């Protein structure tokens, strides 16, 4: 991230995030993501930008997983640890995680990808820590072309970290690291991409 850039901060709202406006908006993305994720008992799952741990807890409620979560905001991590006491939740940037090569069966990033300041770094890291044949699920907003261009231009103008992409743009970037698009689910402004590591 450039020194002059800043990102949205959620730490002060962590305790009430899930029940507040942002949590209710995010729930549409959580539910869409969860409808697409395919899990098996024993899978190792990492939620990147895990926030309050909502997605991890929901996944673990239906399948016996080895759950991990990373985030960059301490208060979010504290809430996630309370919500997911049997999981490993820690502070880490998305592009430089403490995990081993080919450690995970599934990676998820829900309402997080547009926040990542080093998307190219995340793509390389995802390829490194995901097992061959493993799946990465990205749930992020989709906006029509003119709206997307305006939003991205405003974010750049006010020096806020963040940029929104089409499924095709994301697929193109991930293909450089050996990922293939398996499916794209869309409902309103919600899009969920399933990318498979070759």
N, C-alpha and C. Protein backbone atom coordinates (compact mmCIF):
# COMPACT_ATOMS: atom_id res chain seq x y z
N UNK A 1 0.84 -1.18 0.00
CA UNK A 1 0.00 0.00 0.00
C UNK A 1 0.88 1.24 0.00
N UNK A 2 0.58 2.22 -0.81
CA UNK A 2 1.33 3.46 -0.83
C UNK A 2 1.12 4.20 0.49
N UNK A 3 2.16 4.92 0.97
CA UNK A 3 2.04 5.62 2.25
C UNK A 3 0.86 6.58 2.30
N UNK A 4 0.49 7.16 1.16
CA UNK A 4 -0.58 8.15 1.14
C UNK A 4 -1.96 7.51 1.10
N UNK A 5 -2.01 6.18 0.94
CA UNK A 5 -3.30 5.51 0.88
C UNK A 5 -3.76 5.07 2.25
N UNK A 6 -5.07 4.96 2.40
CA UNK A 6 -5.64 4.43 3.63
C UNK A 6 -6.77 3.50 3.26
N UNK A 7 -7.17 2.69 4.23
CA UNK A 7 -8.23 1.72 3.98
C UNK A 7 -9.36 1.96 4.96
N UNK A 8 -10.53 1.42 4.64
CA UNK A 8 -11.63 1.45 5.58
C UNK A 8 -11.22 0.68 6.83
N UNK A 9 -11.58 1.21 8.00
CA UNK A 9 -11.26 0.55 9.26
C UNK A 9 -12.55 0.09 9.92
N UNK A 10 -12.52 -1.14 10.43
CA UNK A 10 -13.71 -1.72 11.04
C UNK A 10 -13.52 -2.04 12.52
N UNK A 11 -12.30 -1.81 13.06
CA UNK A 11 -12.01 -2.21 14.43
C UNK A 11 -13.00 -1.65 15.45
N UNK A 12 -13.34 -0.37 15.31
CA UNK A 12 -14.21 0.27 16.30
C UNK A 12 -15.64 -0.29 16.25
N UNK A 13 -15.98 -0.97 15.15
CA UNK A 13 -17.34 -1.50 15.00
C UNK A 13 -17.36 -3.03 15.08
N UNK A 14 -16.23 -3.62 15.46
CA UNK A 14 -16.12 -5.08 15.43
C UNK A 14 -17.18 -5.76 16.30
N UNK A 15 -17.37 -5.26 17.51
CA UNK A 15 -18.29 -5.92 18.45
C UNK A 15 -19.73 -5.93 17.96
N UNK A 16 -20.11 -4.90 17.21
CA UNK A 16 -21.49 -4.80 16.73
C UNK A 16 -21.62 -4.98 15.23
N UNK A 17 -20.53 -5.41 14.58
CA UNK A 17 -20.52 -5.48 13.12
C UNK A 17 -21.62 -6.38 12.57
N UNK A 18 -21.73 -7.60 13.09
CA UNK A 18 -22.67 -8.57 12.53
C UNK A 18 -24.12 -8.11 12.61
N UNK A 19 -24.46 -7.39 13.69
CA UNK A 19 -25.85 -6.96 13.87
C UNK A 19 -26.13 -5.60 13.28
N UNK A 20 -25.10 -4.90 12.82
CA UNK A 20 -25.27 -3.56 12.26
C UNK A 20 -25.54 -3.58 10.77
N UNK A 21 -25.61 -2.39 10.18
CA UNK A 21 -25.93 -2.25 8.75
C UNK A 21 -24.94 -3.00 7.88
N UNK A 22 -23.63 -2.85 8.20
CA UNK A 22 -22.61 -3.49 7.36
C UNK A 22 -22.71 -5.01 7.42
N UNK A 23 -22.98 -5.53 8.62
CA UNK A 23 -23.12 -6.97 8.77
C UNK A 23 -24.32 -7.50 8.01
N UNK A 24 -25.42 -6.75 8.04
CA UNK A 24 -26.63 -7.18 7.32
C UNK A 24 -26.39 -7.15 5.81
N UNK A 25 -25.66 -6.14 5.35
CA UNK A 25 -25.32 -6.08 3.92
C UNK A 25 -24.40 -7.25 3.56
N UNK A 26 -23.39 -7.48 4.40
CA UNK A 26 -22.43 -8.55 4.13
C UNK A 26 -23.09 -9.92 4.17
N UNK A 27 -24.18 -10.07 4.93
CA UNK A 27 -24.83 -11.38 5.05
C UNK A 27 -25.29 -11.92 3.70
N UNK A 28 -25.64 -11.03 2.77
CA UNK A 28 -26.02 -11.48 1.42
C UNK A 28 -24.84 -12.15 0.74
N UNK A 29 -23.64 -11.62 0.98
CA UNK A 29 -22.43 -12.19 0.40
C UNK A 29 -22.03 -13.46 1.13
N UNK A 30 -22.16 -13.45 2.47
CA UNK A 30 -21.86 -14.66 3.25
C UNK A 30 -22.71 -15.83 2.76
N UNK A 31 -24.02 -15.59 2.66
CA UNK A 31 -24.94 -16.67 2.29
C UNK A 31 -24.68 -17.17 0.87
N UNK A 32 -24.37 -16.25 -0.04
CA UNK A 32 -24.06 -16.64 -1.42
C UNK A 32 -22.79 -17.48 -1.45
N UNK A 33 -21.78 -17.04 -0.71
CA UNK A 33 -20.52 -17.78 -0.66
C UNK A 33 -20.75 -19.19 -0.10
N UNK A 34 -21.46 -19.25 1.01
CA UNK A 34 -21.70 -20.54 1.67
C UNK A 34 -22.49 -21.49 0.79
N UNK A 35 -23.33 -20.95 -0.09
CA UNK A 35 -24.11 -21.80 -0.99
C UNK A 35 -23.24 -22.42 -2.08
N UNK A 36 -22.07 -21.85 -2.30
CA UNK A 36 -21.19 -22.33 -3.38
C UNK A 36 -20.04 -23.20 -2.89
N UNK A 37 -19.64 -23.00 -1.64
CA UNK A 37 -18.47 -23.72 -1.11
C UNK A 37 -18.78 -25.21 -0.96
N UNK A 38 -17.88 -26.04 -1.47
CA UNK A 38 -18.00 -27.49 -1.34
C UNK A 38 -16.95 -27.97 -0.34
N UNK A 39 -17.41 -28.57 0.75
CA UNK A 39 -16.54 -29.00 1.83
C UNK A 39 -16.67 -30.49 2.08
N UNK A 40 -15.62 -31.05 2.64
CA UNK A 40 -15.64 -32.43 3.12
C UNK A 40 -15.06 -32.44 4.53
N UNK A 41 -15.51 -33.40 5.34
CA UNK A 41 -14.94 -33.55 6.68
C UNK A 41 -13.43 -33.70 6.58
N UNK A 42 -12.73 -32.98 7.44
CA UNK A 42 -11.28 -33.06 7.47
C UNK A 42 -10.57 -32.03 6.62
N UNK A 43 -11.32 -31.27 5.82
CA UNK A 43 -10.70 -30.23 4.98
C UNK A 43 -10.05 -29.16 5.87
N UNK A 44 -8.92 -28.66 5.39
CA UNK A 44 -8.29 -27.48 5.99
C UNK A 44 -8.76 -26.26 5.21
N UNK A 45 -9.35 -25.31 5.93
CA UNK A 45 -9.99 -24.15 5.30
C UNK A 45 -9.44 -22.87 5.89
N UNK A 46 -9.02 -21.95 5.03
CA UNK A 46 -8.54 -20.64 5.46
C UNK A 46 -9.48 -19.56 4.93
N UNK A 47 -10.01 -18.75 5.85
CA UNK A 47 -10.81 -17.59 5.46
C UNK A 47 -9.91 -16.37 5.52
N UNK A 48 -9.66 -15.76 4.37
CA UNK A 48 -8.76 -14.62 4.25
C UNK A 48 -9.56 -13.34 4.41
N UNK A 49 -9.19 -12.53 5.40
CA UNK A 49 -10.01 -11.38 5.75
C UNK A 49 -11.24 -11.87 6.49
N UNK A 50 -11.01 -12.67 7.53
CA UNK A 50 -12.10 -13.41 8.18
C UNK A 50 -13.05 -12.55 8.99
N UNK A 51 -12.66 -11.29 9.28
CA UNK A 51 -13.56 -10.43 10.03
C UNK A 51 -13.94 -11.04 11.36
N UNK A 52 -15.24 -11.12 11.63
CA UNK A 52 -15.73 -11.60 12.93
C UNK A 52 -15.80 -13.12 13.01
N UNK A 53 -15.40 -13.82 11.96
CA UNK A 53 -15.42 -15.28 11.97
C UNK A 53 -16.75 -15.90 11.59
N UNK A 54 -17.66 -15.09 11.08
CA UNK A 54 -19.01 -15.57 10.74
C UNK A 54 -18.97 -16.72 9.74
N UNK A 55 -18.22 -16.56 8.67
CA UNK A 55 -18.18 -17.57 7.61
C UNK A 55 -17.57 -18.87 8.14
N UNK A 56 -16.48 -18.76 8.88
CA UNK A 56 -15.85 -19.96 9.44
C UNK A 56 -16.80 -20.72 10.36
N UNK A 57 -17.48 -20.00 11.22
CA UNK A 57 -18.40 -20.66 12.15
C UNK A 57 -19.53 -21.36 11.40
N UNK A 58 -20.05 -20.72 10.36
CA UNK A 58 -21.13 -21.32 9.58
C UNK A 58 -20.64 -22.58 8.87
N UNK A 59 -19.45 -22.54 8.31
CA UNK A 59 -18.92 -23.72 7.63
C UNK A 59 -18.72 -24.87 8.62
N UNK A 60 -18.21 -24.53 9.80
CA UNK A 60 -17.94 -25.57 10.80
C UNK A 60 -19.22 -26.14 11.40
N UNK A 61 -20.34 -25.42 11.27
CA UNK A 61 -21.60 -25.91 11.84
C UNK A 61 -22.17 -27.07 11.04
N UNK A 62 -21.71 -27.23 9.79
CA UNK A 62 -22.25 -28.30 8.95
C UNK A 62 -21.21 -29.35 8.56
N UNK A 63 -19.92 -29.01 8.70
CA UNK A 63 -18.84 -29.91 8.29
C UNK A 63 -17.70 -29.83 9.29
N UNK A 64 -17.06 -30.96 9.56
CA UNK A 64 -15.93 -31.00 10.48
C UNK A 64 -14.66 -30.56 9.76
N UNK A 65 -14.33 -29.28 9.88
CA UNK A 65 -13.18 -28.73 9.18
C UNK A 65 -12.08 -28.34 10.17
N UNK A 66 -10.87 -28.19 9.63
CA UNK A 66 -9.78 -27.57 10.36
C UNK A 66 -9.78 -26.10 9.91
N UNK A 67 -10.32 -25.23 10.76
CA UNK A 67 -10.55 -23.84 10.36
C UNK A 67 -9.44 -22.90 10.76
N UNK A 68 -9.10 -22.01 9.83
CA UNK A 68 -8.10 -20.97 10.05
C UNK A 68 -8.66 -19.65 9.52
N UNK A 69 -8.27 -18.56 10.17
CA UNK A 69 -8.68 -17.25 9.69
C UNK A 69 -7.57 -16.24 9.88
N UNK A 70 -7.46 -15.33 8.93
CA UNK A 70 -6.52 -14.21 9.08
C UNK A 70 -7.23 -12.90 8.80
N UNK A 71 -6.77 -11.87 9.47
CA UNK A 71 -7.29 -10.52 9.26
C UNK A 71 -6.21 -9.55 9.69
N UNK A 72 -6.40 -8.28 9.39
CA UNK A 72 -5.40 -7.28 9.76
C UNK A 72 -5.89 -6.36 10.87
N UNK A 73 -7.11 -6.60 11.36
CA UNK A 73 -7.68 -5.73 12.40
C UNK A 73 -7.84 -6.52 13.70
N UNK A 74 -7.18 -6.03 14.74
CA UNK A 74 -7.09 -6.77 16.00
C UNK A 74 -8.45 -7.01 16.65
N UNK A 75 -9.34 -6.03 16.61
CA UNK A 75 -10.64 -6.22 17.26
C UNK A 75 -11.49 -7.24 16.52
N UNK A 76 -11.40 -7.27 15.21
CA UNK A 76 -12.10 -8.30 14.45
C UNK A 76 -11.57 -9.68 14.82
N UNK A 77 -10.25 -9.79 14.95
CA UNK A 77 -9.63 -11.06 15.33
C UNK A 77 -10.12 -11.50 16.71
N UNK A 78 -10.23 -10.55 17.64
CA UNK A 78 -10.68 -10.88 18.99
C UNK A 78 -12.10 -11.44 18.96
N UNK A 79 -12.98 -10.83 18.16
CA UNK A 79 -14.35 -11.32 18.04
C UNK A 79 -14.37 -12.70 17.39
N UNK A 80 -13.57 -12.87 16.34
CA UNK A 80 -13.53 -14.16 15.63
C UNK A 80 -13.02 -15.28 16.53
N UNK A 81 -12.06 -14.98 17.39
CA UNK A 81 -11.53 -16.00 18.30
C UNK A 81 -12.59 -16.46 19.30
N UNK A 82 -13.42 -15.53 19.76
CA UNK A 82 -14.50 -15.90 20.67
C UNK A 82 -15.55 -16.74 19.95
N UNK A 83 -15.80 -16.39 18.70
CA UNK A 83 -16.82 -17.09 17.93
C UNK A 83 -16.33 -18.46 17.47
N UNK A 84 -15.03 -18.59 17.26
CA UNK A 84 -14.45 -19.83 16.73
C UNK A 84 -13.30 -20.28 17.63
N UNK A 85 -13.59 -20.67 18.88
CA UNK A 85 -12.53 -20.95 19.85
C UNK A 85 -11.65 -22.15 19.49
N UNK A 86 -12.13 -23.04 18.65
CA UNK A 86 -11.35 -24.23 18.29
C UNK A 86 -10.55 -24.04 17.01
N UNK A 87 -10.54 -22.83 16.49
CA UNK A 87 -9.85 -22.56 15.24
C UNK A 87 -8.63 -21.68 15.46
N UNK A 88 -7.77 -21.61 14.47
CA UNK A 88 -6.58 -20.77 14.54
C UNK A 88 -6.88 -19.46 13.83
N UNK A 89 -7.01 -18.39 14.60
CA UNK A 89 -7.31 -17.06 14.06
C UNK A 89 -6.14 -16.16 14.41
N UNK A 90 -5.54 -15.51 13.42
CA UNK A 90 -4.38 -14.68 13.71
C UNK A 90 -4.27 -13.49 12.78
N UNK A 91 -3.42 -12.57 13.20
CA UNK A 91 -3.19 -11.36 12.41
C UNK A 91 -2.18 -11.67 11.31
N UNK A 92 -2.54 -11.34 10.09
CA UNK A 92 -1.63 -11.58 8.97
C UNK A 92 -2.13 -10.85 7.74
N UNK A 93 -1.23 -10.30 6.94
CA UNK A 93 -1.63 -9.76 5.64
C UNK A 93 -1.92 -10.90 4.68
N UNK A 94 -2.73 -10.63 3.68
CA UNK A 94 -3.13 -11.69 2.76
C UNK A 94 -2.00 -12.14 1.84
N UNK A 95 -1.02 -11.27 1.62
CA UNK A 95 0.02 -11.59 0.64
C UNK A 95 1.25 -12.24 1.25
N UNK A 96 1.28 -12.37 2.57
CA UNK A 96 2.46 -12.95 3.24
C UNK A 96 2.00 -13.66 4.50
N UNK A 97 1.43 -14.84 4.33
CA UNK A 97 0.86 -15.58 5.46
C UNK A 97 1.90 -16.50 6.09
N UNK A 98 1.64 -16.99 7.30
CA UNK A 98 2.59 -17.88 7.97
C UNK A 98 2.39 -19.35 7.65
N UNK A 99 1.62 -19.65 6.60
CA UNK A 99 1.23 -21.04 6.36
C UNK A 99 2.18 -21.75 5.39
N UNK A 100 2.09 -23.09 5.43
CA UNK A 100 2.98 -23.92 4.62
C UNK A 100 2.48 -24.04 3.18
N UNK A 101 3.39 -24.43 2.31
CA UNK A 101 3.01 -24.70 0.92
C UNK A 101 1.97 -25.82 0.87
N UNK A 102 0.96 -25.63 0.03
CA UNK A 102 -0.06 -26.66 -0.22
C UNK A 102 -0.73 -27.13 1.07
N UNK A 103 -1.02 -26.21 1.98
CA UNK A 103 -1.59 -26.56 3.28
C UNK A 103 -3.12 -26.70 3.24
N UNK A 104 -3.78 -25.94 2.34
CA UNK A 104 -5.23 -25.82 2.43
C UNK A 104 -5.97 -26.48 1.26
N UNK A 105 -7.13 -27.04 1.61
CA UNK A 105 -8.03 -27.57 0.59
C UNK A 105 -8.92 -26.47 0.01
N UNK A 106 -9.24 -25.49 0.86
CA UNK A 106 -10.17 -24.42 0.47
C UNK A 106 -9.69 -23.10 1.04
N UNK A 107 -9.74 -22.06 0.23
CA UNK A 107 -9.55 -20.68 0.66
C UNK A 107 -10.83 -19.92 0.37
N UNK A 108 -11.22 -19.02 1.27
CA UNK A 108 -12.36 -18.15 1.02
C UNK A 108 -11.95 -16.71 1.27
N UNK A 109 -12.56 -15.80 0.54
CA UNK A 109 -12.38 -14.36 0.74
C UNK A 109 -13.73 -13.71 0.48
N UNK A 110 -14.40 -13.33 1.55
CA UNK A 110 -15.76 -12.80 1.42
C UNK A 110 -15.79 -11.31 1.78
N UNK A 111 -16.18 -10.49 0.83
CA UNK A 111 -16.21 -9.03 1.00
C UNK A 111 -14.84 -8.52 1.45
N UNK A 112 -13.80 -9.13 0.91
CA UNK A 112 -12.44 -8.78 1.31
C UNK A 112 -11.55 -8.44 0.12
N UNK A 113 -11.75 -9.13 -1.00
CA UNK A 113 -10.82 -9.01 -2.13
C UNK A 113 -10.66 -7.56 -2.58
N UNK A 114 -11.75 -6.81 -2.63
CA UNK A 114 -11.63 -5.43 -3.11
C UNK A 114 -10.81 -4.56 -2.16
N UNK A 115 -10.65 -5.00 -0.90
CA UNK A 115 -9.84 -4.26 0.08
C UNK A 115 -8.35 -4.54 -0.05
N UNK A 116 -7.98 -5.68 -0.63
CA UNK A 116 -6.57 -6.08 -0.63
C UNK A 116 -5.72 -5.06 -1.39
N UNK A 117 -4.71 -4.54 -0.72
CA UNK A 117 -3.85 -3.53 -1.36
C UNK A 117 -2.85 -4.16 -2.32
N UNK A 118 -2.48 -5.42 -2.06
CA UNK A 118 -1.52 -6.12 -2.92
C UNK A 118 -2.20 -7.36 -3.50
N UNK A 119 -3.04 -7.15 -4.48
CA UNK A 119 -3.80 -8.27 -5.05
C UNK A 119 -2.89 -9.26 -5.76
N UNK A 120 -1.87 -8.76 -6.44
CA UNK A 120 -0.93 -9.65 -7.11
C UNK A 120 -0.21 -10.52 -6.08
N UNK A 121 0.14 -9.94 -4.95
CA UNK A 121 0.78 -10.70 -3.89
C UNK A 121 -0.14 -11.76 -3.32
N UNK A 122 -1.43 -11.42 -3.17
CA UNK A 122 -2.39 -12.39 -2.67
C UNK A 122 -2.56 -13.55 -3.64
N UNK A 123 -2.59 -13.25 -4.93
CA UNK A 123 -2.76 -14.31 -5.93
C UNK A 123 -1.59 -15.30 -5.85
N UNK A 124 -0.38 -14.78 -5.73
CA UNK A 124 0.80 -15.66 -5.60
C UNK A 124 0.74 -16.48 -4.30
N UNK A 125 0.32 -15.83 -3.22
CA UNK A 125 0.24 -16.51 -1.93
C UNK A 125 -0.83 -17.60 -1.95
N UNK A 126 -1.97 -17.29 -2.58
CA UNK A 126 -3.05 -18.27 -2.68
C UNK A 126 -2.57 -19.50 -3.45
N UNK A 127 -1.83 -19.28 -4.52
CA UNK A 127 -1.30 -20.39 -5.30
C UNK A 127 -0.31 -21.22 -4.48
N UNK A 128 0.42 -20.56 -3.60
CA UNK A 128 1.44 -21.22 -2.78
C UNK A 128 0.81 -22.10 -1.70
N UNK A 129 -0.19 -21.60 -1.00
CA UNK A 129 -0.70 -22.31 0.19
C UNK A 129 -1.88 -23.23 -0.11
N UNK A 130 -2.43 -23.15 -1.32
CA UNK A 130 -3.55 -24.01 -1.69
C UNK A 130 -3.04 -25.30 -2.33
N UNK A 131 -3.66 -26.42 -1.99
CA UNK A 131 -3.27 -27.70 -2.57
C UNK A 131 -3.64 -27.75 -4.05
N UNK A 132 -2.94 -28.51 -4.87
CA UNK A 132 -3.36 -28.73 -6.26
C UNK A 132 -4.78 -29.30 -6.29
N UNK A 133 -5.62 -28.71 -7.10
CA UNK A 133 -7.01 -29.12 -7.14
C UNK A 133 -7.88 -28.45 -6.11
N UNK A 134 -7.26 -27.67 -5.21
CA UNK A 134 -8.02 -26.94 -4.20
C UNK A 134 -8.76 -25.76 -4.79
N UNK A 135 -9.74 -25.27 -4.04
CA UNK A 135 -10.61 -24.20 -4.55
C UNK A 135 -10.47 -22.92 -3.73
N UNK A 136 -10.47 -21.82 -4.45
CA UNK A 136 -10.55 -20.49 -3.85
C UNK A 136 -11.89 -19.90 -4.23
N UNK A 137 -12.64 -19.45 -3.21
CA UNK A 137 -13.94 -18.83 -3.44
C UNK A 137 -13.84 -17.35 -3.08
N UNK A 138 -14.17 -16.49 -4.02
CA UNK A 138 -14.16 -15.05 -3.80
C UNK A 138 -15.58 -14.52 -3.95
N UNK A 139 -16.10 -13.92 -2.88
CA UNK A 139 -17.40 -13.26 -2.93
C UNK A 139 -17.15 -11.76 -2.80
N UNK A 140 -17.54 -11.01 -3.81
CA UNK A 140 -17.26 -9.58 -3.85
C UNK A 140 -18.36 -8.89 -4.66
N UNK A 141 -18.54 -7.59 -4.46
CA UNK A 141 -19.57 -6.89 -5.22
C UNK A 141 -19.26 -6.83 -6.72
N UNK A 142 -20.34 -6.89 -7.50
CA UNK A 142 -20.25 -6.68 -8.94
C UNK A 142 -21.11 -5.46 -9.28
N UNK A 143 -20.51 -4.50 -9.96
CA UNK A 143 -21.23 -3.31 -10.39
C UNK A 143 -21.17 -3.20 -11.91
N UNK A 144 -22.24 -2.74 -12.56
CA UNK A 144 -22.20 -2.51 -14.01
C UNK A 144 -21.07 -1.54 -14.37
N UNK A 145 -20.64 -1.62 -15.61
CA UNK A 145 -19.45 -0.88 -16.07
C UNK A 145 -19.41 0.59 -15.64
N UNK A 146 -20.42 1.41 -15.94
CA UNK A 146 -20.28 2.83 -15.59
C UNK A 146 -20.20 3.07 -14.09
N UNK A 147 -20.97 2.32 -13.33
CA UNK A 147 -20.95 2.49 -11.87
C UNK A 147 -19.60 2.06 -11.31
N UNK A 148 -19.08 0.93 -11.81
CA UNK A 148 -17.79 0.43 -11.34
C UNK A 148 -16.68 1.44 -11.63
N UNK A 149 -16.69 2.02 -12.82
CA UNK A 149 -15.66 2.99 -13.18
C UNK A 149 -15.73 4.22 -12.28
N UNK A 150 -16.94 4.67 -11.97
CA UNK A 150 -17.10 5.85 -11.12
C UNK A 150 -16.62 5.55 -9.70
N UNK A 151 -17.04 4.41 -9.16
CA UNK A 151 -16.63 4.04 -7.79
C UNK A 151 -15.12 3.91 -7.70
N UNK A 152 -14.52 3.21 -8.66
CA UNK A 152 -13.07 3.02 -8.63
C UNK A 152 -12.33 4.35 -8.77
N UNK A 153 -12.88 5.25 -9.58
CA UNK A 153 -12.25 6.56 -9.76
C UNK A 153 -12.32 7.37 -8.47
N UNK A 154 -13.45 7.30 -7.78
CA UNK A 154 -13.60 8.03 -6.51
C UNK A 154 -12.65 7.47 -5.46
N UNK A 155 -12.56 6.14 -5.37
CA UNK A 155 -11.64 5.53 -4.41
C UNK A 155 -10.20 5.97 -4.66
N UNK A 156 -9.84 6.02 -5.92
CA UNK A 156 -8.48 6.46 -6.28
C UNK A 156 -8.27 7.93 -5.95
N UNK A 157 -9.29 8.74 -6.21
CA UNK A 157 -9.19 10.18 -5.98
C UNK A 157 -9.00 10.50 -4.51
N UNK A 158 -9.73 9.80 -3.65
CA UNK A 158 -9.64 10.07 -2.21
C UNK A 158 -8.57 9.20 -1.53
N UNK A 159 -7.83 8.47 -2.34
CA UNK A 159 -6.71 7.64 -1.87
C UNK A 159 -7.15 6.59 -0.85
N UNK A 160 -8.30 5.98 -1.13
CA UNK A 160 -8.73 4.84 -0.33
C UNK A 160 -8.35 3.56 -1.05
N UNK A 161 -7.73 2.65 -0.31
CA UNK A 161 -7.40 1.35 -0.88
C UNK A 161 -8.70 0.64 -1.25
N UNK A 162 -8.77 0.12 -2.43
CA UNK A 162 -9.97 -0.60 -2.85
C UNK A 162 -10.20 -0.45 -4.34
N UNK A 163 -10.61 -1.55 -4.95
CA UNK A 163 -10.94 -1.53 -6.37
C UNK A 163 -11.82 -2.73 -6.67
N UNK A 164 -12.84 -2.50 -7.50
CA UNK A 164 -13.79 -3.56 -7.84
C UNK A 164 -13.54 -4.05 -9.26
N UNK A 165 -13.73 -5.37 -9.44
CA UNK A 165 -13.39 -6.00 -10.71
C UNK A 165 -14.54 -6.86 -11.22
N UNK A 166 -14.51 -7.13 -12.51
CA UNK A 166 -15.44 -8.10 -13.09
C UNK A 166 -14.88 -9.51 -12.87
N UNK A 167 -15.73 -10.49 -13.06
CA UNK A 167 -15.28 -11.88 -12.95
C UNK A 167 -14.20 -12.17 -13.98
N UNK A 168 -14.36 -11.63 -15.18
CA UNK A 168 -13.37 -11.87 -16.24
C UNK A 168 -12.01 -11.29 -15.87
N UNK A 169 -12.01 -10.08 -15.30
CA UNK A 169 -10.74 -9.46 -14.89
C UNK A 169 -10.05 -10.30 -13.80
N UNK A 170 -10.83 -10.78 -12.84
CA UNK A 170 -10.26 -11.60 -11.77
C UNK A 170 -9.73 -12.91 -12.34
N UNK A 171 -10.50 -13.52 -13.22
CA UNK A 171 -10.07 -14.77 -13.85
C UNK A 171 -8.75 -14.58 -14.59
N UNK A 172 -8.62 -13.50 -15.34
CA UNK A 172 -7.41 -13.23 -16.09
C UNK A 172 -6.20 -13.10 -15.16
N UNK A 173 -6.37 -12.38 -14.05
CA UNK A 173 -5.25 -12.20 -13.11
C UNK A 173 -4.85 -13.52 -12.46
N UNK A 174 -5.82 -14.32 -12.07
CA UNK A 174 -5.52 -15.58 -11.39
C UNK A 174 -4.97 -16.64 -12.34
N UNK A 175 -5.33 -16.54 -13.61
CA UNK A 175 -4.84 -17.54 -14.57
C UNK A 175 -3.33 -17.48 -14.71
N UNK A 176 -2.73 -16.34 -14.40
CA UNK A 176 -1.27 -16.19 -14.48
C UNK A 176 -0.55 -17.05 -13.44
N UNK A 177 -1.30 -17.45 -12.39
CA UNK A 177 -0.71 -18.29 -11.35
C UNK A 177 -1.30 -19.70 -11.36
N UNK A 178 -1.88 -20.09 -12.50
CA UNK A 178 -2.32 -21.47 -12.66
C UNK A 178 -3.73 -21.77 -12.18
N UNK A 179 -4.54 -20.75 -11.97
CA UNK A 179 -5.92 -20.98 -11.56
C UNK A 179 -6.84 -21.02 -12.78
N UNK A 180 -7.89 -21.82 -12.67
CA UNK A 180 -8.93 -21.86 -13.69
C UNK A 180 -10.28 -21.56 -13.06
N UNK A 181 -11.09 -20.78 -13.75
CA UNK A 181 -12.42 -20.48 -13.25
C UNK A 181 -13.32 -21.70 -13.41
N UNK A 182 -13.92 -22.13 -12.30
CA UNK A 182 -14.83 -23.27 -12.33
C UNK A 182 -16.27 -22.83 -12.49
N UNK A 183 -16.65 -21.75 -11.79
CA UNK A 183 -18.01 -21.25 -11.89
C UNK A 183 -18.09 -19.81 -11.42
N UNK A 184 -19.14 -19.12 -11.87
CA UNK A 184 -19.45 -17.77 -11.42
C UNK A 184 -20.92 -17.73 -11.06
N UNK A 185 -21.20 -17.39 -9.81
CA UNK A 185 -22.58 -17.24 -9.34
C UNK A 185 -22.86 -15.75 -9.19
N UNK A 186 -23.99 -15.29 -9.72
CA UNK A 186 -24.35 -13.88 -9.59
C UNK A 186 -25.80 -13.74 -9.15
N UNK A 187 -26.03 -12.79 -8.24
CA UNK A 187 -27.37 -12.44 -7.79
C UNK A 187 -27.35 -10.98 -7.37
N UNK A 188 -27.95 -10.11 -8.20
CA UNK A 188 -27.88 -8.69 -7.92
C UNK A 188 -26.44 -8.20 -8.00
N UNK A 189 -25.99 -7.54 -6.95
CA UNK A 189 -24.60 -7.05 -6.94
C UNK A 189 -23.64 -8.08 -6.36
N UNK A 190 -24.16 -9.25 -6.00
CA UNK A 190 -23.31 -10.29 -5.41
C UNK A 190 -22.74 -11.20 -6.50
N UNK A 191 -21.44 -11.39 -6.48
CA UNK A 191 -20.83 -12.39 -7.35
C UNK A 191 -19.91 -13.29 -6.53
N UNK A 192 -19.98 -14.58 -6.80
CA UNK A 192 -19.10 -15.55 -6.13
C UNK A 192 -18.35 -16.30 -7.20
N UNK A 193 -17.04 -16.21 -7.17
CA UNK A 193 -16.19 -16.88 -8.15
C UNK A 193 -15.55 -18.11 -7.51
N UNK A 194 -15.59 -19.22 -8.23
CA UNK A 194 -14.90 -20.42 -7.78
C UNK A 194 -13.71 -20.65 -8.71
N UNK A 195 -12.50 -20.55 -8.13
CA UNK A 195 -11.26 -20.70 -8.89
C UNK A 195 -10.52 -21.92 -8.39
N UNK A 196 -10.11 -22.78 -9.32
CA UNK A 196 -9.45 -24.04 -8.97
C UNK A 196 -7.97 -23.95 -9.31
N UNK A 197 -7.12 -24.34 -8.36
CA UNK A 197 -5.69 -24.38 -8.63
C UNK A 197 -5.36 -25.62 -9.45
N UNK A 198 -4.77 -25.40 -10.59
CA UNK A 198 -4.45 -26.52 -11.50
C UNK A 198 -3.42 -27.44 -10.88
